[in-house]
Amino acid sequence: MSLLPIVNVVLCGGSGTRLWPVSRTKFPKQFVPLLNKKSLFQLTLERNSKLCERFCIVSNTEQYFLAMDQLGILASETPIDFILEPVGKNTAPAIAFACFCLEPDSIVLVTPSDHVILNEEAYQNVVQSAYKLAQDNFLVTFGIEPQYPETGYGYIQAKKGENENTLVMDVAMFHEKPAPEKAQEYLAINKKNGATRFMWNSGMFMFKAKTYLDELKKYAPEIYEKSKQAIDTKISNKTITRIEKNAMEAIPGNSIDYAVMEKSKIVKVVNSDISWSDLGSFDSLYDILEKDNQGNTIASEYINIDSKNNLILGNNRLISTIDIDNLFIVDTADALLIGKRGESQKVKHVVEKLNNEKLPVKDIHQTVYRPWGSYTVFESEPGYKIKKIIVKPGERLSLQKHYHRNEHWVVVSGTATVTIGDEVRYIRPNESTYIKMGEVHRLANEGKIPVVLIEVQVGEYTEEDDIVRIDDDYKRESL
């Protein structure tokens, strides 16, 4: 299939906490390699690169570096622009930013970055149908034919037009996530095959840039004006557009559904039987993963003794089960989650408790990704912390100092360029250096291979907020 003149606006700012502890605020589900060692973000780009001429990725500032790491071959083959938000204000402003940056007649395909679509041939067909509608100045949404009475999705109530077309239909109403009995009622109406159908709301859309902006201006004028003001004060650097924080904070937060789609009179829905999932729970993840002949998801480090129909996720250590059925077991380096299949929506209650108790395990993994590389915490006790630090070739940490800790660095591989005060030195494998509390210092990798070193912090306070940045290549305001 040849490419269509479409810009794929990829919404990439979600936190994905319904899949905690695999997904966390600082490394959300769209970047986790869940399927065939690829992330949902990568699969989204691969899928839409077969349809769209260019991409515009809307992301928060911190996730930009995660996205850049995963672009792969697309970075050189397909034009990609970024719009970076310092704070999130939901989808209505995010989509507006992209539309303001495009030509008015540009056709926009808006997709989240964390969905799974298994039937790509059917997907290409429904996109083509939506494209024709968008050319005719409609706002198009993609409705998913429901397979069961799901309560975790919103629903689109559609009605047949005069031509009795069941692929493209008029939108009568949007419905919030229903109670179980209401979801059953929706499916019962579908079985009658009348003029009304109910579909899952996929969160995917297509329209001309100017059509969306006109409808946003009509139904959510404050979001339109504040978003336009924010774009007018943007900071652009080649393919990157940064929204200023003050301008962003002035924008009312709202979703495209509430702000526009539920109010507009020019909305069409394309009935999309495309094997779709938003992977919003471990139950939906179980449904799409490969399983053994006893219904357990296949994992390399798993021993099963008379256990059936279990979701097993883990890659850090061996998991063994004996005489258990219908559980989800999710094991990471610093957290273990076990629950009943069918009840995985309750993970949100775990996240709420973690948030109330301000536990960092809600937001970060044992390994934390930074624009220059990553660090892994091996051990953290009162008075000391031990880390492994990896710095990518050509990257460097901020010029910084600490008020409460001393640091010892031992290089394992690569050659580290270390600045301490006015002195610059090269530290090679099996060599070390020492940074006193309060000394201005920087770690850089000028070589061709990653620098790997062990850092031992000693001091009364070793948390990440004891960093005073003096100069930073990545213009980070905070951690």
Protein backbone atom coordinates (compact mmCIF):
# COMPACT_ATOMS: atom_id res chain seq x y z
CA MET A 1 0.00 0.00 0.00
CA SER A 2 1.34 3.43 -0.94
CA LEU A 3 1.66 6.15 1.66
CA LEU A 4 -1.17 8.62 2.13
CA PRO A 5 -0.55 12.35 2.73
CA ILE A 6 -1.28 11.91 6.42
CA VAL A 7 0.54 13.17 9.50
CA ASN A 8 0.41 10.66 12.34
CA VAL A 9 0.14 12.60 15.60
CA VAL A 10 1.34 10.17 18.25
CA LEU A 11 0.23 10.97 21.81
CA CYS A 12 3.03 9.77 24.01
CA GLY A 13 2.60 11.29 27.45
CA GLY A 14 0.67 8.70 29.48
CA SER A 15 1.94 7.16 32.71
CA GLY A 16 0.43 3.68 32.25
CA THR A 17 0.13 2.92 35.96
CA ARG A 18 -2.58 0.28 35.39
CA LEU A 19 0.29 -2.04 34.41
CA TRP A 20 2.36 -1.30 37.52
CA PRO A 21 4.98 -2.54 38.42
CA VAL A 22 6.05 -3.24 34.81
CA SER A 23 4.97 0.27 33.81
CA ARG A 24 5.82 3.28 35.98
CA THR A 25 5.54 7.03 35.74
CA LYS A 26 9.16 7.51 34.65
CA PHE A 27 9.11 4.50 32.29
CA PRO A 28 5.50 3.99 31.18
CA LYS A 29 4.00 1.04 29.33
CA GLN A 30 4.42 2.48 25.83
CA PHE A 31 8.20 2.13 26.18
CA VAL A 32 8.26 -1.31 27.84
CA PRO A 33 9.21 -4.15 25.43
CA LEU A 34 6.05 -6.20 25.99
CA LEU A 35 5.60 -7.90 22.59
CA ASN A 36 8.39 -9.69 20.71
CA LYS A 37 10.98 -7.51 22.46
CA LYS A 38 9.43 -4.38 20.97
CA SER A 39 7.64 -1.60 22.79
CA LEU A 40 4.10 -0.46 21.98
CA PHE A 41 5.59 2.89 20.91
CA GLN A 42 7.85 1.16 18.39
CA LEU A 43 4.98 -0.98 17.08
CA THR A 44 2.82 2.15 16.68
CA LEU A 45 5.47 3.82 14.55
CA GLU A 46 6.10 0.68 12.49
CA ARG A 47 2.38 0.20 11.85
CA ASN A 48 1.69 3.78 10.82
CA SER A 49 4.89 4.19 8.81
CA LYS A 50 3.17 1.96 6.22
CA LEU A 51 0.37 4.53 5.91
CA CYS A 52 1.62 8.00 6.85
CA GLU A 53 4.16 10.33 5.27
CA ARG A 54 5.38 11.87 8.52
CA PHE A 55 5.05 11.79 12.29
CA CYS A 56 4.48 14.39 14.98
CA ILE A 57 5.12 12.98 18.44
CA VAL A 58 3.61 14.89 21.36
CA SER A 59 5.39 13.97 24.57
CA ASN A 60 6.34 15.36 27.92
CA THR A 61 9.88 16.66 28.14
CA GLU A 62 11.30 13.76 30.14
CA GLN A 63 9.91 11.04 27.87
CA TYR A 64 11.45 12.64 24.78
CA PHE A 65 14.74 10.89 25.50
CA LEU A 66 13.03 7.51 25.90
CA ALA A 67 11.29 8.05 22.55
CA MET A 68 14.52 9.06 20.82
CA ASP A 69 16.23 5.90 22.05
CA GLN A 70 13.51 3.76 20.49
CA LEU A 71 13.05 5.44 17.12
CA GLY A 72 15.51 3.13 15.40
CA ILE A 73 15.50 3.06 11.61
CA LEU A 74 12.43 5.31 11.36
CA ALA A 75 14.55 8.23 12.51
CA SER A 76 16.36 8.23 9.19
CA GLU A 77 13.57 7.05 6.87
CA THR A 78 10.51 9.07 7.96
CA PRO A 79 10.27 12.76 8.90
CA ILE A 80 9.60 13.00 12.65
CA ASP A 81 8.80 16.13 14.61
CA PHE A 82 8.46 16.43 18.38
CA ILE A 83 6.28 18.72 20.47
CA LEU A 84 7.40 18.68 24.10
CA GLU A 85 5.08 19.62 26.95
CA PRO A 86 6.53 20.61 30.34
CA VAL A 87 3.26 19.58 32.06
CA GLY A 88 0.34 17.52 30.80
CA LYS A 89 -3.03 19.11 30.03
CA ASN A 90 -4.72 16.09 28.42
CA THR A 91 -5.38 15.39 24.75
CA ALA A 92 -7.35 18.43 23.54
CA PRO A 93 -4.42 20.88 23.89
CA ALA A 94 -1.85 18.28 22.79
CA ILE A 95 -3.66 17.70 19.50
CA ALA A 96 -4.19 21.43 19.07
CA PHE A 97 -0.43 22.04 19.31
CA ALA A 98 0.18 19.62 16.46
CA CYS A 99 -2.60 21.12 14.32
CA PHE A 100 -1.32 24.67 14.86
CA CYS A 101 2.10 23.55 13.60
CA LEU A 102 0.70 22.02 10.39
CA GLU A 103 -0.78 23.39 7.20
CA PRO A 104 -4.56 23.91 7.65
CA ASP A 105 -5.54 21.24 5.10
CA SER A 106 -3.17 18.63 6.50
CA ILE A 107 -4.91 15.34 7.27
CA VAL A 108 -4.11 14.23 10.80
CA LEU A 109 -4.31 10.69 12.19
CA VAL A 110 -4.25 10.88 15.99
CA THR A 111 -3.17 7.69 17.74
CA PRO A 112 -2.10 6.87 21.27
CA SER A 113 1.34 5.27 21.52
CA ASP A 114 0.30 2.37 23.75
CA HIS A 115 -2.29 0.40 21.76
CA VAL A 116 -2.06 -3.00 20.08
CA ILE A 117 -3.57 -3.65 16.62
CA LEU A 118 -3.08 -7.20 15.39
CA ASN A 119 -5.02 -7.07 12.10
CA GLU A 120 -2.98 -4.54 10.16
CA GLU A 121 -4.69 -5.22 6.82
CA ALA A 122 -8.10 -4.34 8.32
CA TYR A 123 -6.51 -1.35 10.02
CA GLN A 124 -5.22 -0.02 6.70
CA ASN A 125 -8.70 -0.37 5.21
CA VAL A 126 -10.45 1.57 7.99
CA VAL A 127 -7.79 4.30 7.83
CA GLN A 128 -8.47 4.67 4.12
CA SER A 129 -12.21 4.99 4.84
CA ALA A 130 -11.53 7.60 7.52
CA TYR A 131 -9.21 9.50 5.18
CA LYS A 132 -12.00 10.05 2.65
CA LEU A 133 -14.30 11.33 5.42
CA ALA A 134 -11.60 13.66 6.75
CA GLN A 135 -11.15 15.11 3.26
CA ASP A 136 -14.86 15.97 3.36
CA ASN A 137 -14.33 17.98 6.58
CA PHE A 138 -15.68 15.46 9.08
CA LEU A 139 -14.19 14.65 12.46
CA VAL A 140 -13.70 10.89 12.37
CA THR A 141 -13.35 8.53 15.29
CA PHE A 142 -12.60 4.81 15.20
CA GLY A 143 -15.09 2.60 17.03
CA ILE A 144 -14.11 -0.92 18.00
CA GLU A 145 -16.66 -3.71 17.61
CA PRO A 146 -17.07 -4.95 21.23
CA GLN A 147 -16.38 -8.62 21.86
CA TYR A 148 -17.60 -8.69 25.47
CA PRO A 149 -19.24 -6.28 27.97
CA GLU A 150 -16.08 -4.35 28.89
CA THR A 151 -16.48 -1.79 31.70
CA GLY A 152 -13.03 -0.26 31.32
CA TYR A 153 -13.75 1.55 28.02
CA GLY A 154 -16.02 4.39 27.02
CA TYR A 155 -18.62 3.60 24.36
CA ILE A 156 -19.73 5.31 21.15
CA GLN A 157 -23.42 5.09 20.33
CA ALA A 158 -23.71 5.11 16.54
CA LYS A 159 -26.64 5.09 14.14
CA LYS A 160 -26.95 4.02 10.55
CA GLY A 161 -27.37 6.68 7.92
CA GLU A 162 -29.80 6.60 5.03
CA ASN A 163 -27.56 4.28 3.02
CA GLU A 164 -27.58 1.68 5.80
CA ASN A 165 -23.78 1.68 5.81
CA THR A 166 -22.56 -0.28 8.85
CA LEU A 167 -18.88 0.63 8.33
CA VAL A 168 -19.28 4.41 8.45
CA MET A 169 -21.99 5.67 10.79
CA ASP A 170 -23.18 8.86 12.43
CA VAL A 171 -22.35 9.40 16.10
CA ALA A 172 -25.42 9.80 18.28
CA MET A 173 -23.72 10.01 21.66
CA PHE A 174 -20.60 9.21 23.67
CA HIS A 175 -20.98 7.23 26.90
CA GLU A 176 -18.65 7.02 29.88
CA LYS A 177 -17.30 3.70 31.18
CA PRO A 178 -20.48 1.77 32.03
CA ALA A 179 -21.54 -0.40 34.93
CA PRO A 180 -21.54 -4.14 34.10
CA GLU A 181 -25.31 -4.31 33.56
CA LYS A 182 -25.21 -1.30 31.21
CA ALA A 183 -22.37 -2.87 29.19
CA GLN A 184 -24.47 -6.04 28.88
CA GLU A 185 -27.37 -3.90 27.65
CA TYR A 186 -25.18 -2.33 24.95
CA LEU A 187 -24.18 -5.72 23.58
CA ALA A 188 -27.78 -6.94 23.66
CA ILE A 189 -28.78 -3.95 21.50
CA ASN A 190 -26.00 -4.82 19.02
CA LYS A 191 -27.31 -8.38 18.68
CA LYS A 192 -30.69 -7.04 17.52
CA ASN A 193 -28.87 -5.58 14.50
CA GLY A 194 -31.06 -2.47 14.46
CA ALA A 195 -30.23 1.08 13.47
CA THR A 196 -28.24 1.68 16.68
CA ARG A 197 -24.85 0.15 17.52
CA PHE A 198 -22.51 0.54 20.48
CA MET A 199 -18.75 0.46 20.00
CA TRP A 200 -15.73 0.82 22.22
CA ASN A 201 -14.12 4.25 22.03
CA SER A 202 -10.59 3.60 20.75
CA GLY A 203 -9.20 7.10 21.32
CA MET A 204 -8.05 7.30 17.68
CA PHE A 205 -9.18 10.12 15.38
CA MET A 206 -8.72 11.57 11.90
CA PHE A 207 -9.50 15.04 10.52
CA LYS A 208 -8.05 18.06 8.78
CA ALA A 209 -5.99 20.26 11.09
CA LYS A 210 -8.25 23.27 10.42
CA THR A 211 -11.43 21.22 10.98
CA TYR A 212 -10.32 20.25 14.46
CA LEU A 213 -9.16 23.76 15.32
CA ASP A 214 -12.43 25.29 14.10
CA GLU A 215 -14.46 22.90 16.25
CA LEU A 216 -12.15 23.44 19.24
CA LYS A 217 -12.55 27.19 18.87
CA LYS A 218 -16.34 26.78 18.74
CA TYR A 219 -16.79 24.41 21.68
CA ALA A 220 -13.73 25.04 23.89
CA PRO A 221 -12.63 28.60 23.07
CA GLU A 222 -10.38 29.03 26.11
CA ILE A 223 -8.40 25.89 25.29
CA TYR A 224 -8.11 27.10 21.69
CA GLU A 225 -6.89 30.60 22.62
CA LYS A 226 -4.49 29.48 25.36
CA SER A 227 -3.07 26.71 23.17
CA LYS A 228 -2.55 29.16 20.31
CA GLN A 229 -0.80 31.59 22.66
CA ALA A 230 1.43 28.76 23.89
CA ILE A 231 2.38 27.81 20.32
CA ASP A 232 3.02 31.46 19.45
CA THR A 233 5.64 31.57 22.25
CA LYS A 234 7.13 28.16 21.48
CA ILE A 235 10.85 27.49 21.39
CA SER A 236 11.75 25.59 18.21
CA ASN A 237 15.00 23.83 17.35
CA LYS A 238 14.93 22.02 13.98
CA THR A 239 12.36 19.26 14.51
CA ILE A 240 11.70 19.95 18.20
CA THR A 241 9.07 22.38 19.49
CA ARG A 242 9.12 23.09 23.22
CA ILE A 243 6.13 24.66 24.94
CA GLU A 244 7.03 27.15 27.66
CA LYS A 245 5.94 26.10 31.13
CA ASN A 246 4.07 29.28 32.06
CA ALA A 247 2.10 29.21 28.80
CA MET A 248 1.33 25.53 29.29
CA GLU A 249 0.08 25.96 32.82
CA ALA A 250 -2.42 28.61 31.65
CA ILE A 251 -4.23 26.10 29.41
CA PRO A 252 -7.34 24.39 30.86
CA GLY A 253 -6.87 20.63 30.84
CA ASN A 254 -9.42 18.54 28.96
CA SER A 255 -9.68 15.55 26.65
CA ILE A 256 -10.61 15.76 22.98
CA ASP A 257 -13.75 13.74 23.80
CA TYR A 258 -15.09 16.20 26.37
CA ALA A 259 -13.85 19.35 24.65
CA VAL A 260 -14.89 18.60 21.06
CA MET A 261 -16.13 15.16 20.04
CA GLU A 262 -19.12 14.98 22.39
CA LYS A 263 -20.34 18.41 21.25
CA SER A 264 -19.54 18.57 17.55
CA LYS A 265 -22.22 17.98 14.90
CA ILE A 266 -19.79 16.74 12.23
CA VAL A 267 -18.55 13.50 13.82
CA LYS A 268 -18.49 10.18 11.96
CA VAL A 269 -17.41 6.82 13.35
CA VAL A 270 -15.72 4.05 11.36
CA ASN A 271 -16.59 0.60 12.67
CA SER A 272 -13.13 -0.93 13.11
CA ASP A 273 -12.79 -4.69 13.48
CA ILE A 274 -8.99 -4.59 13.72
CA SER A 275 -8.10 -6.85 16.71
CA TRP A 276 -7.49 -3.82 18.90
CA SER A 277 -6.53 -3.52 22.56
CA ASP A 278 -5.37 -0.58 24.66
CA LEU A 279 -3.53 -2.96 27.02
CA GLY A 280 -5.16 -1.19 29.92
CA SER A 281 -4.86 -4.10 32.32
CA PHE A 282 -3.01 -7.36 32.90
CA ASP A 283 -6.17 -9.16 31.80
CA SER A 284 -5.98 -7.57 28.35
CA LEU A 285 -2.25 -8.32 28.20
CA TYR A 286 -2.94 -11.98 29.01
CA ASP A 287 -5.41 -12.14 26.11
CA ILE A 288 -2.82 -11.28 23.46
CA LEU A 289 0.30 -13.07 24.76
CA GLU A 290 1.33 -16.48 23.50
CA LYS A 291 0.42 -19.32 25.87
CA ASP A 292 1.47 -22.92 26.49
CA ASN A 293 -0.90 -25.90 26.30
CA GLN A 294 -2.02 -25.26 29.89
CA GLY A 295 -2.97 -21.65 29.26
CA ASN A 296 0.04 -20.08 30.99
CA THR A 297 1.84 -17.25 29.22
CA ILE A 298 5.22 -18.38 27.97
CA ALA A 299 8.22 -17.15 29.98
CA SER A 300 11.80 -18.37 29.71
CA GLU A 301 12.35 -18.45 33.48
CA TYR A 302 9.23 -20.32 34.57
CA ILE A 303 8.64 -23.80 36.02
CA ASN A 304 5.03 -24.97 36.12
CA ILE A 305 3.72 -27.75 38.30
CA ASP A 306 0.01 -28.41 37.70
CA SER A 307 -0.84 -24.72 37.22
CA LYS A 308 -3.20 -23.37 34.56
CA ASN A 309 -4.27 -20.14 32.87
CA ASN A 310 -1.79 -17.84 34.60
CA LEU A 311 -0.11 -14.66 33.39
CA ILE A 312 3.58 -14.91 34.24
CA LEU A 313 5.75 -11.81 33.75
CA GLY A 314 9.30 -11.68 34.99
CA ASN A 315 12.83 -11.66 33.66
CA ASN A 316 15.02 -11.17 36.70
CA ARG A 317 14.70 -14.55 38.39
CA LEU A 318 13.07 -17.96 38.11
CA ILE A 319 9.33 -18.13 38.86
CA SER A 320 7.80 -21.47 39.90
CA THR A 321 4.13 -22.21 40.52
CA ILE A 322 2.43 -25.26 42.06
CA ASP A 323 -1.30 -26.00 41.80
CA ILE A 324 -2.45 -22.42 41.09
CA ASP A 325 -4.90 -21.26 38.46
CA ASN A 326 -6.06 -17.97 36.96
CA LEU A 327 -3.55 -15.63 38.61
CA PHE A 328 -1.36 -12.84 37.30
CA ILE A 329 2.18 -12.85 38.69
CA VAL A 330 4.29 -9.84 37.81
CA ASP A 331 7.86 -9.85 39.11
CA THR A 332 10.32 -6.98 38.72
CA ALA A 333 13.64 -6.24 40.39
CA ASP A 334 12.03 -4.24 43.21
CA ALA A 335 8.35 -5.19 43.31
CA LEU A 336 6.17 -8.32 43.11
CA LEU A 337 2.46 -8.19 42.22
CA ILE A 338 0.11 -11.19 42.51
CA GLY A 339 -3.63 -11.12 41.88
CA LYS A 340 -6.61 -12.92 40.41
CA ARG A 341 -7.16 -12.74 36.69
CA GLY A 342 -10.32 -10.77 36.06
CA GLU A 343 -9.54 -8.39 38.93
CA SER A 344 -6.49 -6.63 37.52
CA GLN A 345 -8.30 -3.27 37.34
CA LYS A 346 -7.72 -3.15 41.10
CA VAL A 347 -4.04 -2.49 40.47
CA LYS A 348 -5.05 1.18 40.53
CA HIS A 349 -5.78 0.83 44.25
CA VAL A 350 -2.20 -0.38 44.82
CA VAL A 351 -0.90 2.64 42.91
CA GLU A 352 -3.13 4.95 44.96
CA LYS A 353 -1.65 3.56 48.20
CA LEU A 354 1.88 3.93 46.89
CA ASN A 355 1.08 7.50 45.93
CA ASN A 356 -0.45 8.30 49.33
CA GLU A 357 2.59 6.91 51.09
CA LYS A 358 4.91 8.76 48.65
CA LEU A 359 6.90 5.62 47.87
CA PRO A 360 9.30 6.09 44.92
CA VAL A 361 8.63 2.55 43.66
CA LYS A 362 5.42 3.93 42.13
CA ASP A 363 7.36 6.16 39.73
CA ILE A 364 10.74 4.61 39.06
CA HIS A 365 12.27 1.21 38.42
CA GLN A 366 15.49 -0.03 39.93
CA THR A 367 17.00 1.04 36.62
CA VAL A 368 16.28 4.69 35.79
CA TYR A 369 16.76 6.09 32.28
CA ARG A 370 18.28 9.50 31.70
CA PRO A 371 19.03 11.36 28.45
CA TRP A 372 22.72 10.51 28.84
CA GLY A 373 22.16 6.80 29.65
CA SER A 374 20.91 5.05 32.79
CA TYR A 375 21.68 4.14 36.36
CA THR A 376 20.75 1.07 38.42
CA VAL A 377 20.56 1.15 42.20
CA PHE A 378 22.13 -2.02 43.61
CA GLU A 379 21.77 -1.12 47.27
CA SER A 380 20.51 1.83 49.29
CA GLU A 381 20.87 2.03 53.05
CA PRO A 382 21.13 4.91 55.54
CA GLY A 383 24.52 6.49 54.96
CA TYR A 384 25.37 4.96 51.56
CA LYS A 385 24.10 3.97 48.12
CA ILE A 386 25.67 1.80 45.40
CA LYS A 387 24.85 2.34 41.71
CA LYS A 388 25.86 1.15 38.27
CA ILE A 389 26.03 4.08 35.84
CA ILE A 390 26.06 3.71 32.05
CA VAL A 391 26.90 6.75 29.89
CA LYS A 392 26.23 6.53 26.16
CA PRO A 393 28.96 7.52 23.67
CA GLY A 394 29.05 11.27 23.07
CA GLU A 395 26.90 12.08 26.12
CA ARG A 396 27.66 13.65 29.48
CA LEU A 397 25.97 14.31 32.79
CA SER A 398 25.25 17.80 34.02
CA LEU A 399 27.97 19.89 35.66
CA GLN A 400 26.87 19.51 39.28
CA LYS A 401 27.65 19.35 42.97
CA HIS A 402 26.20 17.73 46.10
CA TYR A 403 25.79 19.14 49.59
CA HIS A 404 25.31 15.89 51.50
CA ARG A 405 27.39 13.13 49.92
CA ASN A 406 30.83 12.12 48.69
CA GLU A 407 31.15 9.90 45.61
CA HIS A 408 33.61 7.17 44.61
CA TRP A 409 33.69 6.13 40.93
CA VAL A 410 35.27 2.89 39.66
CA VAL A 411 35.28 2.43 35.86
CA VAL A 412 34.39 -1.06 34.65
CA SER A 413 34.53 -0.48 30.88
CA GLY A 414 35.10 2.39 28.49
CA THR A 415 37.08 5.54 29.24
CA ALA A 416 35.41 8.18 31.41
CA THR A 417 36.25 11.86 31.05
CA VAL A 418 35.95 13.29 34.56
CA THR A 419 35.95 16.98 35.42
CA ILE A 420 36.54 17.92 39.08
CA GLY A 421 36.83 21.65 39.64
CA ASP A 422 39.26 22.92 37.00
CA GLU A 423 40.93 19.55 36.46
CA VAL A 424 40.01 17.15 33.65
CA ARG A 425 41.25 13.57 33.79
CA TYR A 426 40.65 10.25 32.00
CA ILE A 427 39.64 7.26 34.10
CA ARG A 428 40.13 3.86 32.49
CA PRO A 429 38.89 0.35 33.41
CA ASN A 430 39.90 -0.70 36.92
CA GLU A 431 40.82 2.90 37.79
CA SER A 432 38.90 5.12 40.19
CA THR A 433 38.40 8.68 41.37
CA TYR A 434 36.88 10.43 44.39
CA ILE A 435 34.62 13.49 44.47
CA LYS A 436 34.36 15.33 47.76
CA MET A 437 31.12 16.78 49.02
CA GLY A 438 30.58 20.24 47.49
CA GLU A 439 33.05 19.82 44.61
CA VAL A 440 31.80 20.79 41.16
CA HIS A 441 32.15 17.81 38.84
CA ARG A 442 31.01 16.19 35.60
CA LEU A 443 31.14 12.73 34.01
CA ALA A 444 31.37 12.42 30.21
CA ASN A 445 31.94 9.77 27.57
CA GLU A 446 34.04 11.00 24.65
CA GLY A 447 34.64 7.47 23.35
CA LYS A 448 32.92 5.06 20.98
CA ILE A 449 31.58 2.52 23.49
CA PRO A 450 29.43 3.00 26.63
CA VAL A 451 31.17 3.93 29.85
CA VAL A 452 30.16 1.63 32.68
CA LEU A 453 31.16 2.53 36.22
CA ILE A 454 30.24 1.71 39.79
CA GLU A 455 29.36 4.68 41.97
CA VAL A 456 29.45 4.49 45.76
CA GLN A 457 27.78 7.42 47.51
CA VAL A 458 28.59 8.02 51.18
CA GLY A 459 26.81 10.65 53.21
CA GLU A 460 23.94 11.46 55.53
CA TYR A 461 21.56 12.03 52.58
CA THR A 462 21.83 10.20 49.24
CA GLU A 463 18.52 10.93 47.51
CA GLU A 464 18.38 12.14 43.91
CA ASP A 465 17.28 15.66 44.81
CA ASP A 466 20.73 16.39 46.29
CA ILE A 467 21.91 17.53 42.86
CA VAL A 468 22.66 21.18 42.13
CA ARG A 469 22.94 21.54 38.35
CA ILE A 470 25.27 24.31 37.20
CA ASP A 471 25.15 23.47 33.49
CA ASP A 472 23.09 20.86 31.66
CA ASP A 473 23.14 19.89 27.97
CA TYR A 474 19.51 18.76 28.17
CA LYS A 475 18.09 21.90 29.81
CA ARG A 476 16.37 19.92 32.56
CA GLU A 477 14.60 22.02 35.15
CA SER A 478 14.37 19.15 37.61
CA LEU A 479 14.91 15.43 37.87
